Protein backbone atom coordinates (compact mmCIF):
# COMPACT_ATOMS: atom_id res chain seq x y z
CA MET A 1 85.51 -1.14 38.49
CA TRP A 2 88.02 1.19 36.83
CA GLN A 3 87.62 3.80 39.52
CA TRP A 4 88.16 1.24 42.28
CA LEU A 5 91.05 -0.71 40.73
CA ARG A 6 92.90 2.02 38.86
CA GLU A 7 92.03 5.20 40.70
CA GLY A 8 92.05 3.89 44.28
CA ARG A 9 88.42 4.72 44.99
CA ALA A 10 86.36 3.05 47.71
CA LEU A 11 85.52 -0.66 47.66
CA TRP A 12 81.80 0.08 47.45
CA ILE A 13 82.38 1.71 44.04
CA GLY A 14 84.02 -1.52 42.86
CA ILE A 15 81.07 -3.54 44.17
CA VAL A 16 78.57 -1.29 42.38
CA GLY A 17 80.68 -1.57 39.23
CA GLY A 18 80.67 -5.35 39.50
CA ILE A 19 76.89 -5.42 39.92
CA VAL A 20 76.46 -3.20 36.86
CA LEU A 21 78.70 -5.49 34.81
CA VAL A 22 76.71 -8.55 35.87
CA LEU A 23 73.45 -6.82 34.97
CA TYR A 24 74.95 -5.77 31.65
CA GLY A 25 75.56 -9.46 30.94
CA ILE A 26 72.09 -10.58 32.06
CA ILE A 27 69.85 -7.92 30.50
CA PRO A 28 70.50 -8.97 26.88
CA THR A 29 69.20 -12.47 27.66
CA LEU A 30 65.84 -10.95 28.63
CA GLN A 31 65.19 -9.54 25.16
CA PRO A 32 62.40 -10.99 23.00
CA ALA A 33 63.34 -14.23 21.20
CA VAL A 34 62.80 -12.53 17.84
CA PHE A 35 66.12 -10.74 18.38
CA THR A 36 69.08 -13.04 17.77
CA PHE A 37 72.10 -13.02 20.07
CA GLY A 38 74.28 -11.31 17.47
CA ARG A 39 71.85 -8.44 16.99
CA VAL A 40 71.27 -7.95 20.69
CA TYR A 41 75.01 -8.08 21.41
CA ALA A 42 75.78 -5.60 18.62
CA ALA A 43 73.04 -3.24 19.79
CA TYR A 44 74.23 -3.36 23.38
CA GLY A 45 77.71 -2.56 22.13
CA GLY A 46 76.38 0.67 20.63
CA VAL A 47 74.50 1.51 23.82
CA PHE A 48 77.66 0.74 25.85
CA ILE A 49 79.60 3.28 23.79
CA VAL A 50 77.07 6.02 24.53
CA LEU A 51 76.86 5.10 28.22
CA SER A 52 80.66 5.20 28.39
CA LEU A 53 80.63 8.76 27.08
CA LEU A 54 77.95 9.72 29.61
CA TRP A 55 79.90 8.04 32.42
CA GLY A 56 83.06 9.89 31.45
CA TRP A 57 81.14 13.15 31.41
CA LYS A 58 79.15 12.80 34.63
CA ILE A 59 81.47 10.68 36.78
CA ASP A 60 84.97 11.41 35.48
CA GLY A 61 84.32 15.02 34.50
CA LYS A 62 85.52 14.55 30.91
CA THR A 63 83.17 16.59 28.75
CA PRO A 64 82.55 14.92 25.38
CA ASP A 65 83.50 17.02 22.38
CA THR A 66 81.55 17.44 19.15
CA PHE A 67 83.10 14.35 17.58
CA ASP A 68 82.29 12.22 20.65
CA LEU A 69 78.66 13.32 20.37
CA ILE A 70 78.54 12.69 16.62
CA GLY A 71 80.11 9.26 17.12
CA GLY A 72 77.60 8.42 19.86
CA LEU A 73 74.72 9.47 17.62
CA ILE A 74 76.07 7.31 14.79
CA CYS A 75 76.22 4.38 17.23
CA LEU A 76 72.61 4.89 18.29
CA ILE A 77 71.51 5.08 14.67
CA GLY A 78 73.40 1.83 14.09
CA VAL A 79 71.61 0.25 17.05
CA ALA A 80 68.24 1.27 15.60
CA VAL A 81 69.14 -0.17 12.19
CA ILE A 82 70.39 -3.45 13.68
CA MET A 83 67.40 -3.94 15.96
CA TYR A 84 64.47 -2.55 14.02
CA TRP A 85 65.25 -2.53 10.29
CA PRO A 86 63.29 -5.29 8.58
CA HIS A 87 65.56 -8.32 8.19
CA GLY A 88 65.12 -11.20 5.78
CA ALA A 89 64.71 -14.78 6.93
């Protein structure tokens, strides 16, 4: 969507971006019921951060620096803790 609206790219890029955003909203609802909304939403936030870095690198040509990579790794570790660490009742 950013590329289409802000950078003047082709309409089809905006359409693909819109589809991706819709899927991003639907996919969390397909997770097992054992995962609460808050945990799923928090975990997807961490994944979104990493995917944003990858998008910037591959699509926008902005190579992530060491601190971007460290931050992304911290986010993924956080996702693992939120989703898979044993939680109390």
